[in-house]
mmCIF file of all heavy atoms, coordinates in Angstrom:
data_MODEL
# 
_entry.id   MODEL 
# 
loop_
_atom_site.group_PDB 
_atom_site.id 
_atom_site.type_symbol 
_atom_site.label_atom_id 
_atom_site.label_alt_id 
_atom_site.label_comp_id 
_atom_site.label_asym_id 
_atom_site.label_entity_id 
_atom_site.label_seq_id 
_atom_site.pdbx_PDB_ins_code 
_atom_site.Cartn_x 
_atom_site.Cartn_y 
_atom_site.Cartn_z 
_atom_site.occupancy 
_atom_site.B_iso_or_equiv 
_atom_site.pdbx_formal_charge 
_atom_site.auth_seq_id 
_atom_site.auth_comp_id 
_atom_site.auth_asym_id 
_atom_site.auth_atom_id 
_atom_site.pdbx_PDB_model_num 
ATOM 1   N N   . SER A 1 1  ? 86.641  107.220 109.217 1.00 0.00 ? 1  SER A N   1 
ATOM 2   C CA  . SER A 1 1  ? 87.360  107.464 108.084 1.00 0.00 ? 1  SER A CA  1 
ATOM 3   C C   . SER A 1 1  ? 86.586  107.647 106.854 1.00 0.00 ? 1  SER A C   1 
ATOM 4   O O   . SER A 1 1  ? 85.417  107.196 106.811 1.00 0.00 ? 1  SER A O   1 
ATOM 5   C CB  . SER A 1 1  ? 88.477  106.328 107.944 1.00 0.00 ? 1  SER A CB  1 
ATOM 6   O OG  . SER A 1 1  ? 89.301  106.032 108.886 1.00 0.00 ? 1  SER A OG  1 
ATOM 7   N N   . VAL A 1 2  ? 87.140  108.415 105.872 1.00 0.00 ? 2  VAL A N   1 
ATOM 8   C CA  . VAL A 1 2  ? 86.449  108.561 104.636 1.00 0.00 ? 2  VAL A CA  1 
ATOM 9   C C   . VAL A 1 2  ? 87.618  108.544 103.461 1.00 0.00 ? 2  VAL A C   1 
ATOM 10  O O   . VAL A 1 2  ? 88.611  109.085 103.772 1.00 0.00 ? 2  VAL A O   1 
ATOM 11  C CB  . VAL A 1 2  ? 85.627  109.824 104.520 1.00 0.00 ? 2  VAL A CB  1 
ATOM 12  C CG1 . VAL A 1 2  ? 86.529  111.009 104.773 1.00 0.00 ? 2  VAL A CG1 1 
ATOM 13  C CG2 . VAL A 1 2  ? 84.748  109.969 103.268 1.00 0.00 ? 2  VAL A CG2 1 
ATOM 14  N N   . ASP A 1 3  ? 87.178  108.003 102.373 1.00 0.00 ? 3  ASP A N   1 
ATOM 15  C CA  . ASP A 1 3  ? 88.016  107.953 101.266 1.00 0.00 ? 3  ASP A CA  1 
ATOM 16  C C   . ASP A 1 3  ? 87.764  109.212 100.300 1.00 0.00 ? 3  ASP A C   1 
ATOM 17  O O   . ASP A 1 3  ? 86.663  109.515 99.943  1.00 0.00 ? 3  ASP A O   1 
ATOM 18  C CB  . ASP A 1 3  ? 87.962  106.797 100.430 1.00 0.00 ? 3  ASP A CB  1 
ATOM 19  C CG  . ASP A 1 3  ? 88.537  105.536 101.045 1.00 0.00 ? 3  ASP A CG  1 
ATOM 20  O OD1 . ASP A 1 3  ? 89.243  105.679 102.105 1.00 0.00 ? 3  ASP A OD1 1 
ATOM 21  O OD2 . ASP A 1 3  ? 88.412  104.428 100.450 1.00 0.00 ? 3  ASP A OD2 1 
ATOM 22  N N   . VAL A 1 4  ? 88.946  109.952 100.030 1.00 0.00 ? 4  VAL A N   1 
ATOM 23  C CA  . VAL A 1 4  ? 88.861  110.947 98.928  1.00 0.00 ? 4  VAL A CA  1 
ATOM 24  C C   . VAL A 1 4  ? 89.578  110.386 97.743  1.00 0.00 ? 4  VAL A C   1 
ATOM 25  O O   . VAL A 1 4  ? 90.778  110.144 97.861  1.00 0.00 ? 4  VAL A O   1 
ATOM 26  C CB  . VAL A 1 4  ? 89.547  112.214 99.451  1.00 0.00 ? 4  VAL A CB  1 
ATOM 27  C CG1 . VAL A 1 4  ? 89.411  113.382 98.376  1.00 0.00 ? 4  VAL A CG1 1 
ATOM 28  C CG2 . VAL A 1 4  ? 88.807  112.760 100.745 1.00 0.00 ? 4  VAL A CG2 1 
ATOM 29  N N   . VAL A 1 5  ? 88.935  110.275 96.737  1.00 0.00 ? 5  VAL A N   1 
ATOM 30  C CA  . VAL A 1 5  ? 89.444  109.540 95.565  1.00 0.00 ? 5  VAL A CA  1 
ATOM 31  C C   . VAL A 1 5  ? 89.864  110.737 94.447  1.00 0.00 ? 5  VAL A C   1 
ATOM 32  O O   . VAL A 1 5  ? 89.120  111.660 94.152  1.00 0.00 ? 5  VAL A O   1 
ATOM 33  C CB  . VAL A 1 5  ? 88.429  108.559 94.868  1.00 0.00 ? 5  VAL A CB  1 
ATOM 34  C CG1 . VAL A 1 5  ? 88.975  107.851 93.673  1.00 0.00 ? 5  VAL A CG1 1 
ATOM 35  C CG2 . VAL A 1 5  ? 88.003  107.590 95.975  1.00 0.00 ? 5  VAL A CG2 1 
ATOM 36  N N   . VAL A 1 6  ? 91.106  110.569 94.179  1.00 0.00 ? 6  VAL A N   1 
ATOM 37  C CA  . VAL A 1 6  ? 91.770  111.652 93.228  1.00 0.00 ? 6  VAL A CA  1 
ATOM 38  C C   . VAL A 1 6  ? 92.325  111.130 92.014  1.00 0.00 ? 6  VAL A C   1 
ATOM 39  O O   . VAL A 1 6  ? 93.105  110.075 92.067  1.00 0.00 ? 6  VAL A O   1 
ATOM 40  C CB  . VAL A 1 6  ? 92.762  112.378 94.035  1.00 0.00 ? 6  VAL A CB  1 
ATOM 41  C CG1 . VAL A 1 6  ? 93.404  113.599 93.365  1.00 0.00 ? 6  VAL A CG1 1 
ATOM 42  C CG2 . VAL A 1 6  ? 92.399  112.711 95.450  1.00 0.00 ? 6  VAL A CG2 1 
ATOM 43  N N   . ASP A 1 7  ? 91.951  111.633 90.845  1.00 0.00 ? 7  ASP A N   1 
ATOM 44  C CA  . ASP A 1 7  ? 92.679  111.341 89.721  1.00 0.00 ? 7  ASP A CA  1 
ATOM 45  C C   . ASP A 1 7  ? 93.899  112.301 89.422  1.00 0.00 ? 7  ASP A C   1 
ATOM 46  O O   . ASP A 1 7  ? 93.865  113.529 89.557  1.00 0.00 ? 7  ASP A O   1 
ATOM 47  C CB  . ASP A 1 7  ? 91.761  111.572 88.496  1.00 0.00 ? 7  ASP A CB  1 
ATOM 48  C CG  . ASP A 1 7  ? 90.787  110.379 88.391  1.00 0.00 ? 7  ASP A CG  1 
ATOM 49  O OD1 . ASP A 1 7  ? 91.002  109.285 88.690  1.00 0.00 ? 7  ASP A OD1 1 
ATOM 50  O OD2 . ASP A 1 7  ? 89.533  110.602 87.827  1.00 0.00 ? 7  ASP A OD2 1 
ATOM 51  N N   . VAL A 1 8  ? 95.109  111.579 89.164  1.00 0.00 ? 8  VAL A N   1 
ATOM 52  C CA  . VAL A 1 8  ? 96.411  112.246 89.068  1.00 0.00 ? 8  VAL A CA  1 
ATOM 53  C C   . VAL A 1 8  ? 96.875  111.841 87.662  1.00 0.00 ? 8  VAL A C   1 
ATOM 54  O O   . VAL A 1 8  ? 96.418  110.836 87.216  1.00 0.00 ? 8  VAL A O   1 
ATOM 55  C CB  . VAL A 1 8  ? 97.334  111.992 90.170  1.00 0.00 ? 8  VAL A CB  1 
ATOM 56  C CG1 . VAL A 1 8  ? 96.685  112.298 91.523  1.00 0.00 ? 8  VAL A CG1 1 
ATOM 57  C CG2 . VAL A 1 8  ? 97.848  110.482 90.217  1.00 0.00 ? 8  VAL A CG2 1 
ATOM 58  N N   . PRO A 1 9  ? 97.944  112.432 87.170  1.00 0.00 ? 9  PRO A N   1 
ATOM 59  C CA  . PRO A 1 9  ? 98.480  112.036 85.775  1.00 0.00 ? 9  PRO A CA  1 
ATOM 60  C C   . PRO A 1 9  ? 98.883  110.648 85.706  1.00 0.00 ? 9  PRO A C   1 
ATOM 61  O O   . PRO A 1 9  ? 98.778  109.956 84.722  1.00 0.00 ? 9  PRO A O   1 
ATOM 62  C CB  . PRO A 1 9  ? 99.602  112.959 85.666  1.00 0.00 ? 9  PRO A CB  1 
ATOM 63  C CG  . PRO A 1 9  ? 99.193  114.257 86.328  1.00 0.00 ? 9  PRO A CG  1 
ATOM 64  C CD  . PRO A 1 9  ? 98.545  113.724 87.532  1.00 0.00 ? 9  PRO A CD  1 
ATOM 65  N N   . SER A 1 10 ? 99.278  109.978 86.822  1.00 0.00 ? 10 SER A N   1 
ATOM 66  C CA  . SER A 1 10 ? 99.753  108.489 86.816  1.00 0.00 ? 10 SER A CA  1 
ATOM 67  C C   . SER A 1 10 ? 98.622  107.645 87.107  1.00 0.00 ? 10 SER A C   1 
ATOM 68  O O   . SER A 1 10 ? 98.796  106.415 87.047  1.00 0.00 ? 10 SER A O   1 
ATOM 69  C CB  . SER A 1 10 ? 100.927 108.359 87.815  1.00 0.00 ? 10 SER A CB  1 
ATOM 70  O OG  . SER A 1 10 ? 100.392 108.745 89.199  1.00 0.00 ? 10 SER A OG  1 
ATOM 71  N N   . GLY A 1 11 ? 97.358  108.088 87.352  1.00 0.00 ? 11 GLY A N   1 
ATOM 72  C CA  . GLY A 1 11 ? 96.304  107.150 87.615  1.00 0.00 ? 11 GLY A CA  1 
ATOM 73  C C   . GLY A 1 11 ? 95.350  107.640 88.734  1.00 0.00 ? 11 GLY A C   1 
ATOM 74  O O   . GLY A 1 11 ? 95.363  108.871 89.099  1.00 0.00 ? 11 GLY A O   1 
ATOM 75  N N   . ARG A 1 12 ? 94.600  106.679 89.223  1.00 0.00 ? 12 ARG A N   1 
ATOM 76  C CA  . ARG A 1 12 ? 93.683  107.090 90.333  1.00 0.00 ? 12 ARG A CA  1 
ATOM 77  C C   . ARG A 1 12 ? 94.207  106.626 91.576  1.00 0.00 ? 12 ARG A C   1 
ATOM 78  O O   . ARG A 1 12 ? 94.535  105.414 91.803  1.00 0.00 ? 12 ARG A O   1 
ATOM 79  C CB  . ARG A 1 12 ? 92.394  106.350 90.057  1.00 0.00 ? 12 ARG A CB  1 
ATOM 80  C CG  . ARG A 1 12 ? 91.267  106.541 91.034  1.00 0.00 ? 12 ARG A CG  1 
ATOM 81  C CD  . ARG A 1 12 ? 89.870  106.225 90.522  1.00 0.00 ? 12 ARG A CD  1 
ATOM 82  N NE  . ARG A 1 12 ? 89.474  107.209 89.602  1.00 0.00 ? 12 ARG A NE  1 
ATOM 83  C CZ  . ARG A 1 12 ? 88.312  107.149 88.789  1.00 0.00 ? 12 ARG A CZ  1 
ATOM 84  N NH1 . ARG A 1 12 ? 87.566  106.123 88.898  1.00 0.00 ? 12 ARG A NH1 1 
ATOM 85  N NH2 . ARG A 1 12 ? 88.010  108.131 87.883  1.00 0.00 ? 12 ARG A NH2 1 
ATOM 86  N N   . VAL A 1 13 ? 94.248  107.485 92.643  1.00 0.00 ? 13 VAL A N   1 
ATOM 87  C CA  . VAL A 1 13 ? 94.828  107.313 93.945  1.00 0.00 ? 13 VAL A CA  1 
ATOM 88  C C   . VAL A 1 13 ? 93.686  107.580 95.010  1.00 0.00 ? 13 VAL A C   1 
ATOM 89  O O   . VAL A 1 13 ? 92.719  108.276 94.722  1.00 0.00 ? 13 VAL A O   1 
ATOM 90  C CB  . VAL A 1 13 ? 96.024  108.045 94.147  1.00 0.00 ? 13 VAL A CB  1 
ATOM 91  C CG1 . VAL A 1 13 ? 97.157  107.616 93.071  1.00 0.00 ? 13 VAL A CG1 1 
ATOM 92  C CG2 . VAL A 1 13 ? 95.874  109.546 94.176  1.00 0.00 ? 13 VAL A CG2 1 
ATOM 93  N N   . THR A 1 14 ? 94.015  107.263 96.214  1.00 0.00 ? 14 THR A N   1 
ATOM 94  C CA  . THR A 1 14 ? 93.129  107.521 97.317  1.00 0.00 ? 14 THR A CA  1 
ATOM 95  C C   . THR A 1 14 ? 93.802  108.223 98.526  1.00 0.00 ? 14 THR A C   1 
ATOM 96  O O   . THR A 1 14 ? 94.848  107.849 98.867  1.00 0.00 ? 14 THR A O   1 
ATOM 97  C CB  . THR A 1 14 ? 92.484  106.235 97.857  1.00 0.00 ? 14 THR A CB  1 
ATOM 98  O OG1 . THR A 1 14 ? 91.761  105.560 96.677  1.00 0.00 ? 14 THR A OG1 1 
ATOM 99  C CG2 . THR A 1 14 ? 91.573  106.412 98.941  1.00 0.00 ? 14 THR A CG2 1 
ATOM 100 N N   . ALA A 1 15 ? 93.168  109.212 99.010  1.00 0.00 ? 15 ALA A N   1 
ATOM 101 C CA  . ALA A 1 15 ? 93.489  109.736 100.304 1.00 0.00 ? 15 ALA A CA  1 
ATOM 102 C C   . ALA A 1 15 ? 92.559  109.275 101.371 1.00 0.00 ? 15 ALA A C   1 
ATOM 103 O O   . ALA A 1 15 ? 91.250  109.815 101.306 1.00 0.00 ? 15 ALA A O   1 
ATOM 104 C CB  . ALA A 1 15 ? 93.642  111.240 100.225 1.00 0.00 ? 15 ALA A CB  1 
ATOM 105 N N   . ARG A 1 16 ? 92.822  108.390 102.209 1.00 0.00 ? 16 ARG A N   1 
ATOM 106 C CA  . ARG A 1 16 ? 91.976  107.906 103.198 1.00 0.00 ? 16 ARG A CA  1 
ATOM 107 C C   . ARG A 1 16 ? 92.220  108.773 104.511 1.00 0.00 ? 16 ARG A C   1 
ATOM 108 O O   . ARG A 1 16 ? 93.115  108.757 105.196 1.00 0.00 ? 16 ARG A O   1 
ATOM 109 C CB  . ARG A 1 16 ? 92.259  106.393 103.425 1.00 0.00 ? 16 ARG A CB  1 
ATOM 110 C CG  . ARG A 1 16 ? 91.354  105.828 104.559 1.00 0.00 ? 16 ARG A CG  1 
ATOM 111 C CD  . ARG A 1 16 ? 91.366  104.320 104.498 1.00 0.00 ? 16 ARG A CD  1 
ATOM 112 N NE  . ARG A 1 16 ? 90.906  103.860 103.228 1.00 0.00 ? 16 ARG A NE  1 
ATOM 113 C CZ  . ARG A 1 16 ? 91.584  103.139 102.507 1.00 0.00 ? 16 ARG A CZ  1 
ATOM 114 N NH1 . ARG A 1 16 ? 92.715  102.636 102.764 1.00 0.00 ? 16 ARG A NH1 1 
ATOM 115 N NH2 . ARG A 1 16 ? 91.131  102.622 101.327 1.00 0.00 ? 16 ARG A NH2 1 
ATOM 116 N N   . VAL A 1 17 ? 91.123  109.623 104.817 1.00 0.00 ? 17 VAL A N   1 
ATOM 117 C CA  . VAL A 1 17 ? 91.253  110.570 105.849 1.00 0.00 ? 17 VAL A CA  1 
ATOM 118 C C   . VAL A 1 17 ? 90.714  110.028 107.179 1.00 0.00 ? 17 VAL A C   1 
ATOM 119 O O   . VAL A 1 17 ? 89.508  109.576 107.133 1.00 0.00 ? 17 VAL A O   1 
ATOM 120 C CB  . VAL A 1 17 ? 90.481  111.925 105.515 1.00 0.00 ? 17 VAL A CB  1 
ATOM 121 C CG1 . VAL A 1 17 ? 90.607  112.990 106.574 1.00 0.00 ? 17 VAL A CG1 1 
ATOM 122 C CG2 . VAL A 1 17 ? 91.064  112.401 104.002 1.00 0.00 ? 17 VAL A CG2 1 
ATOM 123 N N   . HIS A 1 18 ? 91.585  110.093 108.220 1.00 0.00 ? 18 HIS A N   1 
ATOM 124 C CA  . HIS A 1 18 ? 91.042  109.504 109.579 1.00 0.00 ? 18 HIS A CA  1 
ATOM 125 C C   . HIS A 1 18 ? 90.710  110.632 110.421 1.00 0.00 ? 18 HIS A C   1 
ATOM 126 O O   . HIS A 1 18 ? 91.501  111.608 110.494 1.00 0.00 ? 18 HIS A O   1 
ATOM 127 C CB  . HIS A 1 18 ? 92.263  108.640 110.087 1.00 0.00 ? 18 HIS A CB  1 
ATOM 128 C CG  . HIS A 1 18 ? 92.608  107.507 109.203 1.00 0.00 ? 18 HIS A CG  1 
ATOM 129 N ND1 . HIS A 1 18 ? 91.864  106.448 109.106 1.00 0.00 ? 18 HIS A ND1 1 
ATOM 130 C CD2 . HIS A 1 18 ? 93.744  107.205 108.395 1.00 0.00 ? 18 HIS A CD2 1 
ATOM 131 C CE1 . HIS A 1 18 ? 92.480  105.458 108.222 1.00 0.00 ? 18 HIS A CE1 1 
ATOM 132 N NE2 . HIS A 1 18 ? 93.466  106.087 107.871 1.00 0.00 ? 18 HIS A NE2 1 
ATOM 133 N N   . ARG A 1 19 ? 89.536  110.439 111.172 1.00 0.00 ? 19 ARG A N   1 
ATOM 134 C CA  . ARG A 1 19 ? 89.177  111.586 111.941 1.00 0.00 ? 19 ARG A CA  1 
ATOM 135 C C   . ARG A 1 19 ? 88.953  111.057 113.370 1.00 0.00 ? 19 ARG A C   1 
ATOM 136 O O   . ARG A 1 19 ? 88.606  109.953 113.673 1.00 0.00 ? 19 ARG A O   1 
ATOM 137 C CB  . ARG A 1 19 ? 87.792  112.097 111.419 1.00 0.00 ? 19 ARG A CB  1 
ATOM 138 C CG  . ARG A 1 19 ? 87.863  112.417 109.926 1.00 0.00 ? 19 ARG A CG  1 
ATOM 139 C CD  . ARG A 1 19 ? 88.083  113.823 109.778 1.00 0.00 ? 19 ARG A CD  1 
ATOM 140 N NE  . ARG A 1 19 ? 86.903  114.727 110.226 1.00 0.00 ? 19 ARG A NE  1 
ATOM 141 C CZ  . ARG A 1 19 ? 86.999  115.900 110.295 1.00 0.00 ? 19 ARG A CZ  1 
ATOM 142 N NH1 . ARG A 1 19 ? 87.998  116.650 110.138 1.00 0.00 ? 19 ARG A NH1 1 
ATOM 143 N NH2 . ARG A 1 19 ? 85.902  116.499 110.816 1.00 0.00 ? 19 ARG A NH2 1 
ATOM 144 N N   . ALA A 1 20 ? 89.095  111.985 114.370 1.00 0.00 ? 20 ALA A N   1 
ATOM 145 C CA  . ALA A 1 20 ? 88.933  111.629 115.674 1.00 0.00 ? 20 ALA A CA  1 
ATOM 146 C C   . ALA A 1 20 ? 88.443  112.943 116.546 1.00 0.00 ? 20 ALA A C   1 
ATOM 147 O O   . ALA A 1 20 ? 89.082  114.004 116.355 1.00 0.00 ? 20 ALA A O   1 
ATOM 148 C CB  . ALA A 1 20 ? 90.053  111.065 116.464 1.00 0.00 ? 20 ALA A CB  1 
ATOM 149 N N   . GLY A 1 21 ? 87.383  112.960 117.134 1.00 0.00 ? 21 GLY A N   1 
ATOM 150 C CA  . GLY A 1 21 ? 87.004  114.127 117.729 1.00 0.00 ? 21 GLY A CA  1 
ATOM 151 C C   . GLY A 1 21 ? 86.650  115.255 116.927 1.00 0.00 ? 21 GLY A C   1 
ATOM 152 O O   . GLY A 1 21 ? 86.912  116.570 117.326 1.00 0.00 ? 21 GLY A O   1 
ATOM 153 N N   . GLY A 1 22 ? 86.228  115.009 115.638 1.00 0.00 ? 22 GLY A N   1 
ATOM 154 C CA  . GLY A 1 22 ? 86.037  116.148 114.770 1.00 0.00 ? 22 GLY A CA  1 
ATOM 155 C C   . GLY A 1 22 ? 87.129  116.755 113.999 1.00 0.00 ? 22 GLY A C   1 
ATOM 156 O O   . GLY A 1 22 ? 87.127  117.771 113.392 1.00 0.00 ? 22 GLY A O   1 
ATOM 157 N N   . ARG A 1 23 ? 88.354  115.986 114.148 1.00 0.00 ? 23 ARG A N   1 
ATOM 158 C CA  . ARG A 1 23 ? 89.523  116.557 113.647 1.00 0.00 ? 23 ARG A CA  1 
ATOM 159 C C   . ARG A 1 23 ? 90.249  115.506 112.830 1.00 0.00 ? 23 ARG A C   1 
ATOM 160 O O   . ARG A 1 23 ? 90.114  114.371 113.099 1.00 0.00 ? 23 ARG A O   1 
ATOM 161 C CB  . ARG A 1 23 ? 90.591  116.985 114.725 1.00 0.00 ? 23 ARG A CB  1 
ATOM 162 C CG  . ARG A 1 23 ? 90.152  118.303 115.509 1.00 0.00 ? 23 ARG A CG  1 
ATOM 163 C CD  . ARG A 1 23 ? 91.366  118.639 116.577 1.00 0.00 ? 23 ARG A CD  1 
ATOM 164 N NE  . ARG A 1 23 ? 92.585  118.781 115.913 1.00 0.00 ? 23 ARG A NE  1 
ATOM 165 C CZ  . ARG A 1 23 ? 93.024  119.915 115.458 1.00 0.00 ? 23 ARG A CZ  1 
ATOM 166 N NH1 . ARG A 1 23 ? 92.089  121.009 115.478 1.00 0.00 ? 23 ARG A NH1 1 
ATOM 167 N NH2 . ARG A 1 23 ? 94.140  120.037 114.937 1.00 0.00 ? 23 ARG A NH2 1 
ATOM 168 N N   . THR A 1 24 ? 90.923  115.975 111.778 1.00 0.00 ? 24 THR A N   1 
ATOM 169 C CA  . THR A 1 24 ? 91.757  115.055 110.945 1.00 0.00 ? 24 THR A CA  1 
ATOM 170 C C   . THR A 1 24 ? 93.005  114.694 111.658 1.00 0.00 ? 24 THR A C   1 
ATOM 171 O O   . THR A 1 24 ? 93.635  115.664 112.143 1.00 0.00 ? 24 THR A O   1 
ATOM 172 C CB  . THR A 1 24 ? 91.965  115.602 109.553 1.00 0.00 ? 24 THR A CB  1 
ATOM 173 O OG1 . THR A 1 24 ? 90.834  115.819 108.910 1.00 0.00 ? 24 THR A OG1 1 
ATOM 174 C CG2 . THR A 1 24 ? 92.834  114.697 108.729 1.00 0.00 ? 24 THR A CG2 1 
ATOM 175 N N   . VAL A 1 25 ? 93.241  113.444 111.880 1.00 0.00 ? 25 VAL A N   1 
ATOM 176 C CA  . VAL A 1 25 ? 94.450  113.097 112.674 1.00 0.00 ? 25 VAL A CA  1 
ATOM 177 C C   . VAL A 1 25 ? 95.541  112.341 111.791 1.00 0.00 ? 25 VAL A C   1 
ATOM 178 O O   . VAL A 1 25 ? 96.669  112.249 112.212 1.00 0.00 ? 25 VAL A O   1 
ATOM 179 C CB  . VAL A 1 25 ? 93.954  112.166 113.945 1.00 0.00 ? 25 VAL A CB  1 
ATOM 180 C CG1 . VAL A 1 25 ? 93.171  113.093 114.862 1.00 0.00 ? 25 VAL A CG1 1 
ATOM 181 C CG2 . VAL A 1 25 ? 93.252  111.072 113.438 1.00 0.00 ? 25 VAL A CG2 1 
ATOM 182 N N   . ALA A 1 26 ? 95.151  111.697 110.680 1.00 0.00 ? 26 ALA A N   1 
ATOM 183 C CA  . ALA A 1 26 ? 96.091  111.155 109.735 1.00 0.00 ? 26 ALA A CA  1 
ATOM 184 C C   . ALA A 1 26 ? 95.465  110.966 108.430 1.00 0.00 ? 26 ALA A C   1 
ATOM 185 O O   . ALA A 1 26 ? 94.183  110.933 108.301 1.00 0.00 ? 26 ALA A O   1 
ATOM 186 C CB  . ALA A 1 26 ? 96.540  109.853 110.369 1.00 0.00 ? 26 ALA A CB  1 
ATOM 187 N N   . VAL A 1 27 ? 96.207  110.847 107.409 1.00 0.00 ? 27 VAL A N   1 
ATOM 188 C CA  . VAL A 1 27 ? 95.734  110.548 106.090 1.00 0.00 ? 27 VAL A CA  1 
ATOM 189 C C   . VAL A 1 27 ? 96.671  109.386 105.370 1.00 0.00 ? 27 VAL A C   1 
ATOM 190 O O   . VAL A 1 27 ? 97.939  109.511 105.562 1.00 0.00 ? 27 VAL A O   1 
ATOM 191 C CB  . VAL A 1 27 ? 95.833  111.784 105.192 1.00 0.00 ? 27 VAL A CB  1 
ATOM 192 C CG1 . VAL A 1 27 ? 95.303  111.532 103.788 1.00 0.00 ? 27 VAL A CG1 1 
ATOM 193 C CG2 . VAL A 1 27 ? 95.092  112.923 105.763 1.00 0.00 ? 27 VAL A CG2 1 
ATOM 194 N N   . ASP A 1 28 ? 96.083  108.448 104.879 1.00 0.00 ? 28 ASP A N   1 
ATOM 195 C CA  . ASP A 1 28 ? 96.650  107.368 104.115 1.00 0.00 ? 28 ASP A CA  1 
ATOM 196 C C   . ASP A 1 28 ? 96.754  107.733 102.667 1.00 0.00 ? 28 ASP A C   1 
ATOM 197 O O   . ASP A 1 28 ? 95.553  108.065 102.123 1.00 0.00 ? 28 ASP A O   1 
ATOM 198 C CB  . ASP A 1 28 ? 96.124  106.044 104.330 1.00 0.00 ? 28 ASP A CB  1 
ATOM 199 C CG  . ASP A 1 28 ? 95.920  105.505 105.698 1.00 0.00 ? 28 ASP A CG  1 
ATOM 200 O OD1 . ASP A 1 28 ? 96.913  105.944 106.504 1.00 0.00 ? 28 ASP A OD1 1 
ATOM 201 O OD2 . ASP A 1 28 ? 95.097  104.835 106.080 1.00 0.00 ? 28 ASP A OD2 1 
ATOM 202 N N   . PHE A 1 29 ? 97.817  107.754 101.968 1.00 0.00 ? 29 PHE A N   1 
ATOM 203 C CA  . PHE A 1 29 ? 97.869  107.924 100.592 1.00 0.00 ? 29 PHE A CA  1 
ATOM 204 C C   . PHE A 1 29 ? 98.127  106.416 100.026 1.00 0.00 ? 29 PHE A C   1 
ATOM 205 O O   . PHE A 1 29 ? 99.159  105.838 100.143 1.00 0.00 ? 29 PHE A O   1 
ATOM 206 C CB  . PHE A 1 29 ? 99.114  108.644 100.202 1.00 0.00 ? 29 PHE A CB  1 
ATOM 207 C CG  . PHE A 1 29 ? 99.631  108.592 98.888  1.00 0.00 ? 29 PHE A CG  1 
ATOM 208 C CD1 . PHE A 1 29 ? 98.712  108.763 97.728  1.00 0.00 ? 29 PHE A CD1 1 
ATOM 209 C CD2 . PHE A 1 29 ? 100.946 108.548 98.533  1.00 0.00 ? 29 PHE A CD2 1 
ATOM 210 C CE1 . PHE A 1 29 ? 99.308  108.742 96.402  1.00 0.00 ? 29 PHE A CE1 1 
ATOM 211 C CE2 . PHE A 1 29 ? 101.476 108.382 97.226  1.00 0.00 ? 29 PHE A CE2 1 
ATOM 212 C CZ  . PHE A 1 29 ? 100.703 108.541 96.214  1.00 0.00 ? 29 PHE A CZ  1 
# 
């Protein structure tokens, strides 16, 4: 997994990208 940190108008949020076999399989917001 890797965290993608994003600034949006309401504040700072995270998209936690989960990977398996070289593919993205899920993302936590």
